[in-house]
Structures are given as C-alpha cells and as structure tokens.
Amino acid sequence: MARDRRPSLLRRASLRRGAADIDSARIAAAMEQLRHRGRATLHDRLHRVRMATGLAVQAGLAAALAWIVSHHLLGNPQPVFAPISAVGTLAASVGQRLRRTVELIVGVAVGVFLGDVLIYFVGTGGWQLGLVVTAAILLTIFFGASVAVVIQAAATAVLIVTLSPSTKDLEIPRFIDAFIGGGIALVVTAVLLPLNPLRVINRAARPALDLLADQLDVAAEALRRRDRDSAQRALERLRENKEELSTFTEAIEGAKETSTLSPARWHRRSELTHYAEAAEPIDRAMRNSGTLIRRSVTMIEDEEPVPEPMPDAVGHLAESVRLLRHEFAAGVETEKARERSLRAVSEAGRAYAQGVGFSGSVVIAQVRTTASDLLVASGIDQAEANRLIRESFGEQEKPNAGPAESGAAPKPPMAPPLG
C-alpha cells in the first residue's frame, strides 16, 4: 500500500501555529508602524499649528483694524477690500510683506484702470469680463510684473466689472482700501504685535536639523549592521527635505524683516545675522549628507569593509547637528557642536587608516565635508574650518616627502569621486 505522506494532525496543527505566529508578528509590526506614523503625523500637525499661531493672530488683528478704520474713520459702508488687503499682505511669503504691500497697490491700480477703460468702451457682461481679465494678465506680464501683481490686477478687474453696475464710485474706495489694508498689516507686524524673530527661527530650524540628525543616526546604525534597506530609507527621507529647508529659509527672511521694521526687535539684529549666515552651510550639509548616505548604501551592496570607527564618525555628525540646534536655541557659543564635528573627522581618519574601499573613501570624504559645513554654520571661517578638519583627520593627510613606504596608507581623496 502507498504510504500516506500527508502531515499528521499534530504536525498540521503545529504548522498552523507557526504560520499564525509569523503572521501575528508581521501584523503587530505593521500596527506598530501605523501607530508610530499616527503619532508622528499628529506631532507634525501640532508643530505646524504652533508655527502659524502668531501669523493667525496677526492676520485677525490686522483684518479687524482695517475694517474699523475703513468703515468708521473713512465712512466706507462696505469695507470689504481693506481686511482682504490686510490678510493678503500677511499671507505673503514671510520676509516679503513690505514688497507685497507695494505689489498689492500696483495690482489694484492696474486692475482699476483696465476695468474702467474697457467698461467704458465695451460695457459689462460675460465676454467683457473675460476680455478684461485677459488684458490685465497680459499687460502686467508684458511689463515684467510679479505673480502677485498679476493676480491682484486680474482679481481687481473682475471686481470692477462685476460690481460696478450695482455699486457706484467703487474705484476710489478700492484703491484707498488697498493702502489701508497693506499699511495696517505692516503696522501690526512691526509695532503692535511683532513676533520674537529668534523664537520663530528656532521653531523653523528644528524640523530641518532634526531630520538631518535622525537620518545620519539611521545611516550610522545601518553601517554597523550592514543593513542596506535601512540606509536606503534614510536616503529617501533625507531627499524629502525641501519643505523643512524652505520653512527655515522663509523664517530667517521673516525674522530679518521684523528686526528691520520693528523698533522693539532692533537689538536682535546681530543674533539674526548669525542665523542668516548659517542657512547656506546647513543646506550644503544636507546635500553632502545625502551623498554620504548614498555611498553607504553602495558600500553595503558591494560588501566593502566597514571599519569600526566609520559608523561612529557618522554618529558623531548626527550628534553635532543636534548640539548645533540646542546651542543656537540657547543663544550660547557653539563649542560642543564644533567639538563633536571634529571628533567625527578624527574617527573618519582612524577608519581610513584601517582600510576602506572605493565607496568607503567617498564616505570618509563626505564626513570631512559635512563636518566642515557644520563648523562654518557654527560661525567659523571656511579657511579656519578646513585647517581644523585637516588637523583632526590625522597624519595620513600629510603628503609624503619621498617615495611612499611599503604599507603606508594612501592619501584620502580631497573631493568625492563622481557617481
């Protein structure tokens, strides 16, 4: 008789339990990821709310004051445009509100002019409205106006064409309201409710610097464990840094504008200069860290040697970024961040001396370059930063006077190879 090769009842139950255990582990891991993602999303949303609270209060106060001034002081029975102009000015890109006020007024003037001229010749109606909007856009673009002027001119032309038949003498109040709304927005920003520029910058810098530090930490751990997928995820996350950097840059521009317009914030100008000078090297550190992590992925894929000091060097870079953020926020000298950057370079020198492959040499070079960027961000001159990097890297940086001795370590690359 043929042997029954089907698993026994006990064995089938055991297999089911094993499969169930594997499935349970996978489901638990997926649920934990969802919970973590939910917490991260809530944290990000709350952070955005905190960042926007000051602007929201400013916009509310400016809209209310614009309506009161236009309605009660100037006798405008329907002061719609003044609060809209105030909110539009405050909603402009931070750091461009003075320019936005001028653009608002210019756009209104163009829209009023075109609306009145075309209404006089062609009347009002659907196709006339389309003609007015088209003419406003083309004329402002022809004269090289900004997007804000183009939009404002077109919107004003629409209002003139649609409201003129039912509202008499609309043009002058509309023009005056643009002055009132934009002017009150600037008064609120500069005098009545000026934000603390350093607090705004600190809040904006936190996501960008935390993103950089976190992904460098992930890359360091990936090198220790030779985890290619983890390093790849860190690289992809770091590439999504445009929003964080844009927020940081806009916050610096807004703080500079506040310190210029607001007498109460004039004493902050020197501190803001430090932040403004740090923005560019931080951006470079982001890009160089991206190259570092990309080459770390290649190192793991090619099974190149990963000397023990190399992950430590990347980890020290991450800690340097965190210390830089903390010391910026505290308004103290960035000594700890500088020390940690130089420690990263020292560890990179030890790793290079132990021997690395092609991609490993690129990682070493990027540790040096990123550390240099962080030193410059901390307030050190570029030439001095380069000197400190060379000293911290070690003796292998110095060129040999004669022929290379047997077994001597080669010179490290001064710039990362392409690819």
Foldseek 3Di string as FASTA:
>chain_A
DDDDPDDDPVVVVVVVVVVVVVVVVVVVVVVVVVVVVVVVVVVVVVLVCVLCVLLVVLLVVLLVVLCCCCCPVVPDVDLPQQSVLQNQLSPPQFLCSVVLLVLLLLLLVLLLVLLVVLCVPPNADDVSLVVSLVVLQVVCVVVPHDPSSNVNSNVNNNCCRVCPVPDPPPSVSNNVSSVSSSVSSLCSCAPVRPDQLLVSLLSLQVVLLLLLLVLLLQLLVCLVVLPLVSLVVSLVSLVPCPVSLSSNQSSLSNSCVRCVRHPVNVVCVVLSVLSNQLSVLSVVLSVLVSLLSVLSSVCSVVVKDFDPLLSVLSNLLSVLSVLLSVCSSVVHQSPVSLVSLLVSLLSLLVRQLVPTDQSSLQNSLSSLSSSLSSVVSSPDDSVVSNVSSLVSSDDLCDDDPDDDDPPRGHHRDNHRDDD
